[in-house]
Amino acid sequence: MIGKLTGRVDYKAADHVLLDVGGVGYTVHCSERTLAALPGAGQAAALYTELLVREDLLQLFGFLTPYDREWHRLLTTVQGVGAKASMSILGTLGAEGVARAIAIGDWGAVKAAPGVGPKLAQRVVNELKDKAPGIMALGGTLGQAAGTVPDPLIEPDRPIVAPASKPAAPSSGAAQADALSALSNLGYAPSEAARAVAEAAGNDPGAEAPALIRAALRLLAPKE
């Protein structure tokens, strides 16, 4: 299975990029968000990939980080969510936005993705609300895997950085994962901990783990 491609951008189209890897061109389908973050033609790029295999079709889908790819895999486990719908949802919300929407039950945010109706959006939230905490907890470790990598195909000492549309806020990935872990250690159920952390991160996108934990605990405190 092809898990990652590193090479030069040949060209970008409306829904895919042609990536030249050692003289071999790979067509990789990407969301609008991912395509916008990729560099221009002739420049170095790296994408984490997922291979879709059907009887009459082979398609590669590309993601900026392993975290994005894990969310794609989870989304496509929902009945009615194929690769196209998943890419639409991720392209609209981003992985962090999807995690927050599912954790707090905001199916309206999922419905904002082109081609996703209200019934499907509700199904995504309902079916993934108990699975989302596991992926959210992986955010920190998966993010560490998406750093600078050697570029043996172009210049041996020149790194390729998996591109990002914008720098991740401190509460993305590692901070949320740490907050989830702390709340789990305190005995909170994964689903309620994920909901509180997601809401806290949405209220303060720049918060680090300690601030997220305090805010989440306030949200989890019994209401008088």
N, C-alpha and C. Protein backbone atom coordinates (compact mmCIF):
# COMPACT_ATOMS: atom_id res chain seq x y z
N MET A 1 0.85 -1.21 0.00
CA MET A 1 0.00 0.00 0.00
C MET A 1 0.88 1.24 0.00
N ILE A 2 0.47 2.24 -0.78
CA ILE A 2 1.20 3.51 -0.84
C ILE A 2 0.72 4.40 0.30
N GLY A 3 1.61 4.70 1.23
CA GLY A 3 1.22 5.47 2.40
C GLY A 3 1.66 6.91 2.38
N LYS A 4 2.69 7.21 1.56
CA LYS A 4 3.19 8.57 1.49
C LYS A 4 3.96 8.75 0.19
N LEU A 5 3.82 9.94 -0.39
CA LEU A 5 4.54 10.27 -1.61
C LEU A 5 5.30 11.58 -1.41
N THR A 6 6.53 11.60 -1.85
CA THR A 6 7.38 12.77 -1.73
C THR A 6 8.00 13.06 -3.09
N GLY A 7 7.79 14.24 -3.63
CA GLY A 7 8.34 14.56 -4.94
C GLY A 7 8.10 16.01 -5.30
N ARG A 8 7.90 16.27 -6.59
CA ARG A 8 7.66 17.63 -7.08
C ARG A 8 6.25 17.73 -7.67
N VAL A 9 5.63 18.87 -7.46
CA VAL A 9 4.31 19.12 -8.03
C VAL A 9 4.46 19.37 -9.52
N ASP A 10 3.77 18.54 -10.33
CA ASP A 10 3.76 18.75 -11.78
C ASP A 10 2.70 19.79 -12.13
N TYR A 11 1.48 19.54 -11.69
CA TYR A 11 0.42 20.53 -11.84
C TYR A 11 -0.69 20.24 -10.84
N LYS A 12 -1.52 21.26 -10.60
CA LYS A 12 -2.69 21.11 -9.73
C LYS A 12 -3.95 21.36 -10.54
N ALA A 13 -4.93 20.46 -10.39
CA ALA A 13 -6.22 20.62 -11.05
C ALA A 13 -7.27 20.96 -9.99
N ALA A 14 -8.55 20.90 -10.39
CA ALA A 14 -9.61 21.30 -9.46
C ALA A 14 -9.75 20.35 -8.28
N ASP A 15 -9.48 19.06 -8.50
CA ASP A 15 -9.68 18.09 -7.41
C ASP A 15 -8.51 17.13 -7.22
N HIS A 16 -7.40 17.39 -7.91
CA HIS A 16 -6.25 16.50 -7.75
C HIS A 16 -4.96 17.21 -8.10
N VAL A 17 -3.87 16.57 -7.72
CA VAL A 17 -2.54 17.06 -8.05
C VAL A 17 -1.76 15.93 -8.71
N LEU A 18 -0.92 16.27 -9.68
CA LEU A 18 -0.03 15.29 -10.27
C LEU A 18 1.34 15.48 -9.63
N LEU A 19 1.77 14.47 -8.89
CA LEU A 19 3.02 14.53 -8.15
C LEU A 19 4.07 13.67 -8.84
N ASP A 20 5.17 14.29 -9.24
CA ASP A 20 6.25 13.57 -9.91
C ASP A 20 7.21 13.02 -8.87
N VAL A 21 7.22 11.71 -8.75
CA VAL A 21 8.10 11.04 -7.78
C VAL A 21 9.12 10.21 -8.55
N GLY A 22 10.32 10.74 -8.66
CA GLY A 22 11.38 10.02 -9.37
C GLY A 22 11.05 9.72 -10.81
N GLY A 23 10.33 10.61 -11.48
CA GLY A 23 9.98 10.41 -12.88
C GLY A 23 8.67 9.71 -13.11
N VAL A 24 8.03 9.25 -12.04
CA VAL A 24 6.72 8.61 -12.14
C VAL A 24 5.66 9.58 -11.63
N GLY A 25 4.62 9.84 -12.44
CA GLY A 25 3.58 10.78 -12.05
C GLY A 25 2.42 10.09 -11.37
N TYR A 26 2.09 10.54 -10.16
CA TYR A 26 0.98 9.98 -9.41
C TYR A 26 -0.15 11.01 -9.36
N THR A 27 -1.35 10.59 -9.78
CA THR A 27 -2.53 11.44 -9.63
C THR A 27 -3.09 11.23 -8.24
N VAL A 28 -3.10 12.29 -7.44
CA VAL A 28 -3.55 12.19 -6.06
C VAL A 28 -4.73 13.15 -5.86
N HIS A 29 -5.88 12.59 -5.51
CA HIS A 29 -7.08 13.40 -5.28
C HIS A 29 -7.01 14.04 -3.90
N CYS A 30 -7.31 15.33 -3.84
CA CYS A 30 -7.18 16.08 -2.59
C CYS A 30 -8.39 16.99 -2.40
N SER A 31 -8.60 17.40 -1.17
CA SER A 31 -9.64 18.38 -0.88
C SER A 31 -9.16 19.76 -1.31
N GLU A 32 -10.10 20.71 -1.41
CA GLU A 32 -9.74 22.07 -1.78
C GLU A 32 -8.76 22.67 -0.77
N ARG A 33 -8.95 22.34 0.49
CA ARG A 33 -8.07 22.85 1.55
C ARG A 33 -6.64 22.36 1.34
N THR A 34 -6.50 21.09 1.02
CA THR A 34 -5.17 20.52 0.80
C THR A 34 -4.52 21.10 -0.45
N LEU A 35 -5.30 21.19 -1.54
CA LEU A 35 -4.76 21.74 -2.78
C LEU A 35 -4.29 23.17 -2.59
N ALA A 36 -5.04 23.95 -1.83
CA ALA A 36 -4.66 25.35 -1.60
C ALA A 36 -3.36 25.46 -0.82
N ALA A 37 -3.07 24.45 0.00
CA ALA A 37 -1.87 24.49 0.83
C ALA A 37 -0.63 24.00 0.11
N LEU A 38 -0.82 23.28 -0.99
CA LEU A 38 0.33 22.75 -1.71
C LEU A 38 1.06 23.85 -2.47
N PRO A 39 2.37 23.71 -2.65
CA PRO A 39 3.13 24.71 -3.40
C PRO A 39 2.82 24.64 -4.89
N GLY A 40 3.41 25.54 -5.66
CA GLY A 40 3.16 25.60 -7.09
C GLY A 40 3.94 24.55 -7.86
N ALA A 41 3.72 24.55 -9.16
CA ALA A 41 4.36 23.58 -10.04
C ALA A 41 5.89 23.67 -9.94
N GLY A 42 6.52 22.50 -9.90
CA GLY A 42 7.97 22.44 -9.84
C GLY A 42 8.55 22.46 -8.44
N GLN A 43 7.71 22.68 -7.44
CA GLN A 43 8.20 22.75 -6.07
C GLN A 43 8.00 21.43 -5.34
N ALA A 44 8.79 21.23 -4.28
CA ALA A 44 8.75 19.98 -3.53
C ALA A 44 7.51 19.91 -2.64
N ALA A 45 6.97 18.71 -2.50
CA ALA A 45 5.79 18.51 -1.66
C ALA A 45 5.76 17.07 -1.16
N ALA A 46 5.03 16.86 -0.08
CA ALA A 46 4.84 15.52 0.48
C ALA A 46 3.39 15.36 0.88
N LEU A 47 2.82 14.21 0.58
CA LEU A 47 1.44 13.91 0.93
C LEU A 47 1.34 12.52 1.53
N TYR A 48 0.56 12.42 2.60
CA TYR A 48 0.20 11.11 3.14
C TYR A 48 -0.99 10.62 2.32
N THR A 49 -1.00 9.35 1.97
CA THR A 49 -1.99 8.89 1.01
C THR A 49 -2.80 7.69 1.50
N GLU A 50 -3.98 7.56 0.91
CA GLU A 50 -4.87 6.44 1.14
C GLU A 50 -5.28 5.91 -0.23
N LEU A 51 -5.14 4.60 -0.44
CA LEU A 51 -5.45 4.00 -1.72
C LEU A 51 -6.84 3.38 -1.70
N LEU A 52 -7.69 3.83 -2.61
CA LEU A 52 -9.03 3.26 -2.75
C LEU A 52 -8.99 2.21 -3.85
N VAL A 53 -9.38 1.00 -3.52
CA VAL A 53 -9.33 -0.12 -4.48
C VAL A 53 -10.74 -0.62 -4.74
N ARG A 54 -11.13 -0.59 -6.02
CA ARG A 54 -12.40 -1.16 -6.46
C ARG A 54 -12.11 -2.07 -7.65
N GLU A 55 -13.13 -2.80 -8.07
CA GLU A 55 -12.94 -3.72 -9.18
C GLU A 55 -12.47 -3.01 -10.45
N ASP A 56 -13.00 -1.83 -10.68
CA ASP A 56 -12.68 -1.11 -11.91
C ASP A 56 -11.97 0.22 -11.67
N LEU A 57 -11.43 0.41 -10.47
CA LEU A 57 -10.88 1.72 -10.14
C LEU A 57 -9.81 1.63 -9.07
N LEU A 58 -8.74 2.39 -9.27
CA LEU A 58 -7.72 2.61 -8.25
C LEU A 58 -7.53 4.11 -8.12
N GLN A 59 -7.71 4.64 -6.92
CA GLN A 59 -7.56 6.08 -6.71
C GLN A 59 -6.74 6.35 -5.46
N LEU A 60 -5.85 7.32 -5.57
CA LEU A 60 -5.07 7.78 -4.43
C LEU A 60 -5.66 9.07 -3.90
N PHE A 61 -5.80 9.16 -2.57
CA PHE A 61 -6.26 10.38 -1.94
C PHE A 61 -5.14 10.90 -1.04
N GLY A 62 -4.92 12.21 -1.10
CA GLY A 62 -3.79 12.79 -0.39
C GLY A 62 -4.19 13.70 0.76
N PHE A 63 -3.33 13.72 1.79
CA PHE A 63 -3.60 14.49 3.02
C PHE A 63 -2.31 15.14 3.50
N LEU A 64 -2.47 16.29 4.14
CA LEU A 64 -1.30 17.02 4.63
C LEU A 64 -0.64 16.34 5.81
N THR A 65 -1.43 15.67 6.65
CA THR A 65 -0.88 15.05 7.86
C THR A 65 -1.51 13.67 8.06
N PRO A 66 -0.87 12.81 8.86
CA PRO A 66 -1.48 11.52 9.20
C PRO A 66 -2.80 11.69 9.94
N TYR A 67 -2.93 12.78 10.70
CA TYR A 67 -4.17 13.04 11.45
C TYR A 67 -5.34 13.24 10.49
N ASP A 68 -5.11 14.01 9.42
CA ASP A 68 -6.14 14.20 8.40
C ASP A 68 -6.54 12.85 7.79
N ARG A 69 -5.55 12.03 7.51
CA ARG A 69 -5.83 10.73 6.89
C ARG A 69 -6.63 9.82 7.82
N GLU A 70 -6.32 9.85 9.11
CA GLU A 70 -7.07 9.02 10.05
C GLU A 70 -8.53 9.45 10.12
N TRP A 71 -8.78 10.74 10.03
CA TRP A 71 -10.16 11.21 10.03
C TRP A 71 -10.87 10.78 8.75
N HIS A 72 -10.18 10.81 7.64
CA HIS A 72 -10.76 10.32 6.38
C HIS A 72 -11.16 8.85 6.52
N ARG A 73 -10.28 8.06 7.09
CA ARG A 73 -10.57 6.64 7.27
C ARG A 73 -11.79 6.44 8.16
N LEU A 74 -11.88 7.25 9.22
CA LEU A 74 -13.01 7.11 10.14
C LEU A 74 -14.31 7.56 9.49
N LEU A 75 -14.27 8.67 8.77
CA LEU A 75 -15.47 9.18 8.12
C LEU A 75 -16.04 8.18 7.12
N THR A 76 -15.17 7.50 6.39
CA THR A 76 -15.65 6.58 5.36
C THR A 76 -16.18 5.27 5.94
N THR A 77 -16.13 5.10 7.27
CA THR A 77 -16.77 3.94 7.87
C THR A 77 -18.27 4.16 8.05
N VAL A 78 -18.71 5.40 7.90
CA VAL A 78 -20.12 5.72 8.05
C VAL A 78 -20.85 5.39 6.75
N GLN A 79 -21.97 4.69 6.86
CA GLN A 79 -22.74 4.34 5.68
C GLN A 79 -23.18 5.59 4.94
N GLY A 80 -22.91 5.63 3.66
CA GLY A 80 -23.29 6.78 2.84
C GLY A 80 -22.18 7.79 2.67
N VAL A 81 -21.09 7.64 3.41
CA VAL A 81 -19.95 8.55 3.28
C VAL A 81 -18.85 7.85 2.49
N GLY A 82 -18.76 8.19 1.22
CA GLY A 82 -17.68 7.67 0.40
C GLY A 82 -16.49 8.61 0.44
N ALA A 83 -15.51 8.31 -0.36
CA ALA A 83 -14.30 9.14 -0.37
C ALA A 83 -14.60 10.58 -0.76
N LYS A 84 -15.51 10.77 -1.73
CA LYS A 84 -15.84 12.12 -2.18
C LYS A 84 -16.48 12.94 -1.07
N ALA A 85 -17.43 12.34 -0.34
CA ALA A 85 -18.09 13.05 0.75
C ALA A 85 -17.11 13.35 1.88
N SER A 86 -16.24 12.39 2.17
CA SER A 86 -15.24 12.60 3.22
C SER A 86 -14.32 13.76 2.87
N MET A 87 -13.87 13.81 1.61
CA MET A 87 -12.98 14.90 1.19
C MET A 87 -13.71 16.24 1.26
N SER A 88 -15.01 16.23 0.97
CA SER A 88 -15.80 17.45 1.05
C SER A 88 -15.88 17.94 2.50
N ILE A 89 -16.12 17.02 3.42
CA ILE A 89 -16.23 17.38 4.84
C ILE A 89 -14.90 17.90 5.36
N LEU A 90 -13.82 17.19 5.05
CA LEU A 90 -12.50 17.61 5.51
C LEU A 90 -12.07 18.91 4.84
N GLY A 91 -12.44 19.08 3.58
CA GLY A 91 -12.09 20.31 2.89
C GLY A 91 -12.80 21.51 3.45
N THR A 92 -14.01 21.30 3.96
CA THR A 92 -14.80 22.40 4.53
C THR A 92 -14.39 22.72 5.96
N LEU A 93 -14.20 21.68 6.78
CA LEU A 93 -13.97 21.89 8.22
C LEU A 93 -12.52 21.70 8.64
N GLY A 94 -11.76 20.90 7.91
CA GLY A 94 -10.43 20.51 8.39
C GLY A 94 -10.57 19.44 9.45
N ALA A 95 -9.50 18.71 9.71
CA ALA A 95 -9.58 17.61 10.68
C ALA A 95 -9.97 18.09 12.07
N GLU A 96 -9.40 19.22 12.51
CA GLU A 96 -9.72 19.74 13.83
C GLU A 96 -11.18 20.17 13.91
N GLY A 97 -11.69 20.76 12.83
CA GLY A 97 -13.08 21.17 12.81
C GLY A 97 -14.03 19.99 12.83
N VAL A 98 -13.68 18.93 12.12
CA VAL A 98 -14.49 17.71 12.13
C VAL A 98 -14.52 17.12 13.54
N ALA A 99 -13.36 17.05 14.17
CA ALA A 99 -13.27 16.50 15.52
C ALA A 99 -14.16 17.28 16.48
N ARG A 100 -14.10 18.59 16.39
CA ARG A 100 -14.90 19.43 17.31
C ARG A 100 -16.39 19.26 17.03
N ALA A 101 -16.77 19.27 15.75
CA ALA A 101 -18.18 19.16 15.39
C ALA A 101 -18.78 17.85 15.90
N ILE A 102 -18.05 16.77 15.73
CA ILE A 102 -18.56 15.47 16.17
C ILE A 102 -18.59 15.39 17.69
N ALA A 103 -17.55 15.90 18.33
CA ALA A 103 -17.47 15.82 19.79
C ALA A 103 -18.60 16.57 20.47
N ILE A 104 -19.00 17.72 19.93
CA ILE A 104 -20.05 18.52 20.57
C ILE A 104 -21.42 18.29 19.92
N GLY A 105 -21.48 17.37 18.95
CA GLY A 105 -22.76 17.05 18.33
C GLY A 105 -23.28 18.09 17.37
N ASP A 106 -22.39 18.86 16.76
CA ASP A 106 -22.79 19.94 15.85
C ASP A 106 -22.91 19.40 14.43
N TRP A 107 -24.02 18.71 14.13
CA TRP A 107 -24.18 18.16 12.79
C TRP A 107 -24.41 19.25 11.75
N GLY A 108 -24.83 20.43 12.20
CA GLY A 108 -25.01 21.55 11.28
C GLY A 108 -23.70 21.96 10.62
N ALA A 109 -22.60 21.87 11.36
CA ALA A 109 -21.29 22.20 10.78
C ALA A 109 -20.92 21.19 9.71
N VAL A 110 -21.23 19.91 9.96
CA VAL A 110 -20.94 18.87 8.97
C VAL A 110 -21.79 19.07 7.73
N LYS A 111 -23.03 19.50 7.91
CA LYS A 111 -23.96 19.72 6.80
C LYS A 111 -23.48 20.84 5.88
N ALA A 112 -22.61 21.70 6.38
CA ALA A 112 -22.11 22.81 5.57
C ALA A 112 -21.24 22.34 4.42
N ALA A 113 -20.75 21.10 4.49
CA ALA A 113 -19.91 20.57 3.41
C ALA A 113 -20.75 20.33 2.17
N PRO A 114 -20.27 20.74 0.99
CA PRO A 114 -21.03 20.53 -0.25
C PRO A 114 -21.34 19.04 -0.47
N GLY A 115 -22.60 18.76 -0.81
CA GLY A 115 -22.99 17.39 -1.10
C GLY A 115 -23.41 16.58 0.11
N VAL A 116 -23.37 17.19 1.30
CA VAL A 116 -23.73 16.48 2.53
C VAL A 116 -25.06 17.04 3.04
N GLY A 117 -26.08 16.19 3.04
CA GLY A 117 -27.40 16.61 3.50
C GLY A 117 -27.55 16.46 5.00
N PRO A 118 -28.67 16.94 5.53
CA PRO A 118 -28.87 16.89 6.99
C PRO A 118 -28.91 15.48 7.56
N LYS A 119 -29.55 14.55 6.86
CA LYS A 119 -29.63 13.18 7.38
C LYS A 119 -28.25 12.54 7.46
N LEU A 120 -27.45 12.75 6.42
CA LEU A 120 -26.10 12.18 6.43
C LEU A 120 -25.24 12.85 7.50
N ALA A 121 -25.38 14.15 7.65
CA ALA A 121 -24.61 14.88 8.67
C ALA A 121 -24.95 14.36 10.07
N GLN A 122 -26.23 14.14 10.32
CA GLN A 122 -26.63 13.61 11.61
C GLN A 122 -26.10 12.20 11.83
N ARG A 123 -26.09 11.40 10.76
CA ARG A 123 -25.57 10.04 10.87
C ARG A 123 -24.08 10.04 11.20
N VAL A 124 -23.34 10.95 10.57
CA VAL A 124 -21.90 11.07 10.84
C VAL A 124 -21.67 11.35 12.32
N VAL A 125 -22.39 12.33 12.85
CA VAL A 125 -22.20 12.71 14.25
C VAL A 125 -22.63 11.58 15.19
N ASN A 126 -23.77 10.97 14.90
CA ASN A 126 -24.29 9.92 15.79
C ASN A 126 -23.41 8.68 15.80
N GLU A 127 -22.91 8.29 14.61
CA GLU A 127 -22.13 7.06 14.53
C GLU A 127 -20.69 7.22 15.01
N LEU A 128 -20.17 8.44 14.95
CA LEU A 128 -18.76 8.64 15.28
C LEU A 128 -18.52 9.28 16.64
N LYS A 129 -19.57 9.66 17.33
CA LYS A 129 -19.38 10.37 18.60
C LYS A 129 -18.60 9.55 19.63
N ASP A 130 -18.74 8.22 19.59
CA ASP A 130 -18.01 7.37 20.54
C ASP A 130 -16.63 6.97 20.02
N LYS A 131 -16.41 7.13 18.71
CA LYS A 131 -15.12 6.77 18.12
C LYS A 131 -14.19 7.96 18.01
N ALA A 132 -14.76 9.16 17.97
CA ALA A 132 -13.96 10.36 17.79
C ALA A 132 -12.88 10.56 18.85
N PRO A 133 -13.16 10.29 20.15
CA PRO A 133 -12.12 10.52 21.16
C PRO A 133 -10.83 9.76 20.89
N GLY A 134 -10.95 8.55 20.35
CA GLY A 134 -9.75 7.77 20.06
C GLY A 134 -8.86 8.44 19.02
N ILE A 135 -9.47 9.00 17.98
CA ILE A 135 -8.69 9.70 16.95
C ILE A 135 -8.17 11.02 17.48
N MET A 136 -8.99 11.73 18.28
CA MET A 136 -8.53 12.99 18.85
C MET A 136 -7.32 12.77 19.75
N ALA A 137 -7.32 11.67 20.49
CA ALA A 137 -6.20 11.38 21.39
C ALA A 137 -4.92 11.07 20.62
N LEU A 138 -5.06 10.67 19.36
CA LEU A 138 -3.89 10.37 18.54
C LEU A 138 -3.29 11.63 17.92
N GLY A 139 -4.00 12.74 18.06
CA GLY A 139 -3.58 13.96 17.38
C GLY A 139 -2.15 14.36 17.64
N GLY A 140 -1.71 14.28 18.89
CA GLY A 140 -0.35 14.69 19.22
C GLY A 140 0.70 13.81 18.59
N THR A 141 0.56 12.50 18.74
CA THR A 141 1.58 11.58 18.20
C THR A 141 1.56 11.56 16.69
N LEU A 142 0.38 11.66 16.08
CA LEU A 142 0.31 11.68 14.63
C LEU A 142 0.91 12.97 14.08
N GLY A 143 0.69 14.07 14.79
CA GLY A 143 1.26 15.33 14.35
C GLY A 143 2.77 15.32 14.35
N GLN A 144 3.37 14.62 15.30
CA GLN A 144 4.82 14.54 15.37
C GLN A 144 5.39 13.80 14.17
N ALA A 145 4.56 12.94 13.57
CA ALA A 145 5.04 12.18 12.42
C ALA A 145 5.06 13.00 11.14
N ALA A 146 4.46 14.16 11.16
CA ALA A 146 4.32 14.95 9.94
C ALA A 146 5.27 16.15 9.95
N GLY A 147 6.53 15.91 10.17
CA GLY A 147 7.51 16.99 10.21
C GLY A 147 8.38 17.03 8.98
N THR A 148 9.60 17.48 9.16
CA THR A 148 10.54 17.56 8.05
C THR A 148 11.11 16.20 7.75
N VAL A 149 11.19 15.87 6.46
CA VAL A 149 11.72 14.57 6.05
C VAL A 149 12.81 14.79 5.01
N PRO A 150 13.79 13.87 4.89
CA PRO A 150 14.83 14.01 3.88
C PRO A 150 14.24 13.99 2.48
N ASP A 151 14.92 14.65 1.57
CA ASP A 151 14.47 14.73 0.19
C ASP A 151 15.52 14.10 -0.72
N PRO A 152 15.66 12.77 -0.75
CA PRO A 152 16.69 12.13 -1.55
C PRO A 152 16.44 12.24 -3.04
N LEU A 153 15.19 12.55 -3.44
CA LEU A 153 14.88 12.60 -4.86
C LEU A 153 15.32 13.90 -5.51
N ILE A 154 15.52 14.94 -4.69
CA ILE A 154 15.80 16.24 -5.29
C ILE A 154 17.17 16.75 -4.86
N GLU A 155 17.32 17.07 -3.62
CA GLU A 155 18.61 17.52 -3.09
C GLU A 155 18.83 16.82 -1.77
N PRO A 156 19.87 16.00 -1.61
CA PRO A 156 20.06 15.16 -0.43
C PRO A 156 19.96 15.90 0.89
N ASP A 157 20.43 17.15 0.94
CA ASP A 157 20.46 17.85 2.22
C ASP A 157 19.31 18.85 2.38
N ARG A 158 18.41 18.82 1.42
CA ARG A 158 17.31 19.77 1.48
C ARG A 158 16.04 19.08 1.94
N PRO A 159 15.40 19.59 3.03
CA PRO A 159 14.20 18.92 3.55
C PRO A 159 12.95 19.27 2.77
N ILE A 160 12.00 18.36 2.83
CA ILE A 160 10.65 18.65 2.34
C ILE A 160 9.74 18.69 3.55
N VAL A 161 8.97 19.71 3.65
CA VAL A 161 8.05 19.82 4.77
C VAL A 161 6.64 19.58 4.26
N ALA A 162 5.93 18.68 4.90
CA ALA A 162 4.54 18.48 4.54
C ALA A 162 3.82 19.80 4.73
N PRO A 163 3.24 20.36 3.66
CA PRO A 163 2.71 21.71 3.74
C PRO A 163 1.46 21.78 4.60
N ALA A 164 1.20 22.99 5.06
CA ALA A 164 -0.02 23.21 5.84
C ALA A 164 -0.61 24.53 5.41
N SER A 165 -1.92 24.63 5.44
CA SER A 165 -2.58 25.84 4.99
C SER A 165 -2.27 27.02 5.92
N LYS A 166 -2.08 26.71 7.20
CA LYS A 166 -1.71 27.73 8.16
C LYS A 166 -1.14 27.03 9.38
N PRO A 167 -0.28 27.72 10.16
CA PRO A 167 0.30 27.07 11.33
C PRO A 167 -0.78 26.59 12.28
N ALA A 168 -0.57 25.40 12.81
CA ALA A 168 -1.55 24.83 13.73
C ALA A 168 -1.52 25.59 15.05
N ALA A 169 -2.68 25.83 15.59
CA ALA A 169 -2.76 26.49 16.89
C ALA A 169 -2.24 25.53 17.95
N PRO A 170 -1.70 26.08 19.07
CA PRO A 170 -1.17 25.22 20.12
C PRO A 170 -2.16 24.20 20.62
N SER A 171 -3.48 24.54 20.60
CA SER A 171 -4.46 23.59 21.11
C SER A 171 -4.76 22.47 20.13
N SER A 172 -4.19 22.54 18.92
CA SER A 172 -4.40 21.48 17.95
C SER A 172 -3.54 20.29 18.31
N GLY A 173 -4.06 19.10 18.05
CA GLY A 173 -3.25 17.90 18.17
C GLY A 173 -2.75 17.60 19.56
N ALA A 174 -1.49 17.97 19.80
CA ALA A 174 -0.82 17.56 21.04
C ALA A 174 -1.53 18.09 22.29
N ALA A 175 -1.92 19.36 22.29
CA ALA A 175 -2.55 19.93 23.47
C ALA A 175 -3.89 19.25 23.77
N GLN A 176 -4.68 19.03 22.73
CA GLN A 176 -5.96 18.37 22.93
C GLN A 176 -5.76 16.92 23.37
N ALA A 177 -4.76 16.27 22.79
CA ALA A 177 -4.48 14.88 23.18
C ALA A 177 -4.08 14.81 24.65
N ASP A 178 -3.23 15.76 25.08
CA ASP A 178 -2.80 15.78 26.48
C ASP A 178 -3.98 16.05 27.41
N ALA A 179 -4.86 16.97 27.00
CA ALA A 179 -6.03 17.28 27.82
C ALA A 179 -6.96 16.08 27.92
N LEU A 180 -7.17 15.40 26.81
CA LEU A 180 -8.01 14.19 26.83
C LEU A 180 -7.45 13.13 27.74
N SER A 181 -6.12 12.95 27.67
CA SER A 181 -5.47 11.95 28.51
C SER A 181 -5.64 12.28 29.99
N ALA A 182 -5.47 13.56 30.33
CA ALA A 182 -5.60 13.98 31.72
C ALA A 182 -7.02 13.75 32.24
N LEU A 183 -8.00 14.10 31.43
CA LEU A 183 -9.39 13.91 31.86
C LEU A 183 -9.74 12.43 31.97
N SER A 184 -9.20 11.62 31.09
CA SER A 184 -9.43 10.17 31.18
C SER A 184 -8.84 9.62 32.47
N ASN A 185 -7.65 10.11 32.83
CA ASN A 185 -7.01 9.67 34.07
C ASN A 185 -7.81 10.09 35.30
N LEU A 186 -8.61 11.14 35.15
CA LEU A 186 -9.44 11.60 36.26
C LEU A 186 -10.77 10.83 36.32
N GLY A 187 -10.98 9.94 35.36
CA GLY A 187 -12.16 9.08 35.40
C GLY A 187 -13.31 9.49 34.52
N TYR A 188 -13.12 10.52 33.70
CA TYR A 188 -14.19 10.94 32.81
C TYR A 188 -14.29 9.99 31.62
N ALA A 189 -15.50 9.75 31.14
CA ALA A 189 -15.71 8.90 29.98
C ALA A 189 -15.12 9.57 28.74
N PRO A 190 -14.59 8.78 27.81
CA PRO A 190 -13.96 9.36 26.61
C PRO A 190 -14.86 10.32 25.85
N SER A 191 -16.15 9.97 25.70
CA SER A 191 -17.04 10.83 24.92
C SER A 191 -17.28 12.18 25.59
N GLU A 192 -17.50 12.19 26.91
CA GLU A 192 -17.74 13.46 27.59
C GLU A 192 -16.46 14.28 27.71
N ALA A 193 -15.31 13.59 27.85
CA ALA A 193 -14.04 14.31 27.88
C ALA A 193 -13.75 14.96 26.53
N ALA A 194 -14.00 14.22 25.45
CA ALA A 194 -13.77 14.76 24.11
C ALA A 194 -14.66 15.95 23.83
N ARG A 195 -15.92 15.86 24.26
CA ARG A 195 -16.87 16.96 24.05
C ARG A 195 -16.41 18.21 24.78
N ALA A 196 -15.96 18.05 26.02
CA ALA A 196 -15.52 19.20 26.81
C ALA A 196 -14.25 19.81 26.24
N VAL A 197 -13.30 18.97 25.85
CA VAL A 197 -12.04 19.48 25.29
C VAL A 197 -12.29 20.20 23.97
N ALA A 198 -13.15 19.62 23.14
CA ALA A 198 -13.46 20.25 21.85
C ALA A 198 -14.12 21.61 22.05
N GLU A 199 -15.04 21.69 23.00
CA GLU A 199 -15.71 22.97 23.27
C GLU A 199 -14.72 23.98 23.84
N ALA A 200 -13.84 23.53 24.72
CA ALA A 200 -12.84 24.42 25.29
C ALA A 200 -11.89 24.94 24.22
N ALA A 201 -11.48 24.05 23.31
CA ALA A 201 -10.58 24.45 22.23
C ALA A 201 -11.26 25.42 21.28
N GLY A 202 -12.56 25.21 21.06
CA GLY A 202 -13.29 26.13 20.19
C GLY A 202 -13.43 27.51 20.80
N ASN A 203 -13.57 27.57 22.12
CA ASN A 203 -13.69 28.86 22.81
C ASN A 203 -12.36 29.59 22.88
N ASP A 204 -11.26 28.84 22.91
CA ASP A 204 -9.92 29.45 23.02
C ASP A 204 -8.95 28.66 22.14
N PRO A 205 -8.93 28.92 20.82
CA PRO A 205 -8.12 28.13 19.88
C PRO A 205 -6.63 28.13 20.20
N GLY A 206 -6.13 29.14 20.89
CA GLY A 206 -4.70 29.19 21.19
C GLY A 206 -4.31 28.58 22.52
N ALA A 207 -5.25 27.96 23.20
CA ALA A 207 -4.97 27.45 24.54
C ALA A 207 -4.03 26.25 24.51
N GLU A 208 -3.15 26.20 25.50
CA GLU A 208 -2.28 25.04 25.66
C GLU A 208 -2.97 24.04 26.59
N ALA A 209 -2.35 22.87 26.77
CA ALA A 209 -2.99 21.78 27.50
C ALA A 209 -3.49 22.16 28.89
N PRO A 210 -2.69 22.81 29.75
CA PRO A 210 -3.19 23.15 31.09
C PRO A 210 -4.46 24.00 31.07
N ALA A 211 -4.48 24.99 30.16
CA ALA A 211 -5.66 25.85 30.06
C ALA A 211 -6.86 25.06 29.54
N LEU A 212 -6.62 24.16 28.59
CA LEU A 212 -7.71 23.33 28.07
C LEU A 212 -8.28 22.44 29.16
N ILE A 213 -7.40 21.88 29.99
CA ILE A 213 -7.86 21.00 31.08
C ILE A 213 -8.73 21.77 32.06
N ARG A 214 -8.28 22.96 32.45
CA ARG A 214 -9.06 23.77 33.40
C ARG A 214 -10.42 24.14 32.81
N ALA A 215 -10.40 24.56 31.55
CA ALA A 215 -11.66 24.96 30.91
C ALA A 215 -12.60 23.76 30.76
N ALA A 216 -12.04 22.61 30.39
CA ALA A 216 -12.86 21.41 30.23
C ALA A 216 -13.45 20.97 31.57
N LEU A 217 -12.67 21.07 32.62
CA LEU A 217 -13.18 20.69 33.95
C LEU A 217 -14.33 21.59 34.38
N ARG A 218 -14.24 22.89 34.03
CA ARG A 218 -15.34 23.80 34.36
C ARG A 218 -16.60 23.39 33.61
N LEU A 219 -16.43 22.98 32.35
CA LEU A 219 -17.58 22.55 31.54
C LEU A 219 -18.17 21.25 32.06
N LEU A 220 -17.33 20.42 32.62
CA LEU A 220 -17.78 19.11 33.13
C LEU A 220 -18.33 19.17 34.55
N ALA A 221 -18.10 20.28 35.20
CA ALA A 221 -18.56 20.40 36.60
C ALA A 221 -20.07 20.32 36.67
N PRO A 222 -20.61 19.68 37.68
CA PRO A 222 -22.07 19.57 37.82
C PRO A 222 -22.71 20.94 37.88
N LYS A 223 -23.80 21.09 37.15
CA LYS A 223 -24.52 22.37 37.13
C LYS A 223 -25.53 22.40 38.28
N GLU A 224 -25.48 23.46 39.05
CA GLU A 224 -26.40 23.58 40.18
C GLU A 224 -27.77 24.07 39.72
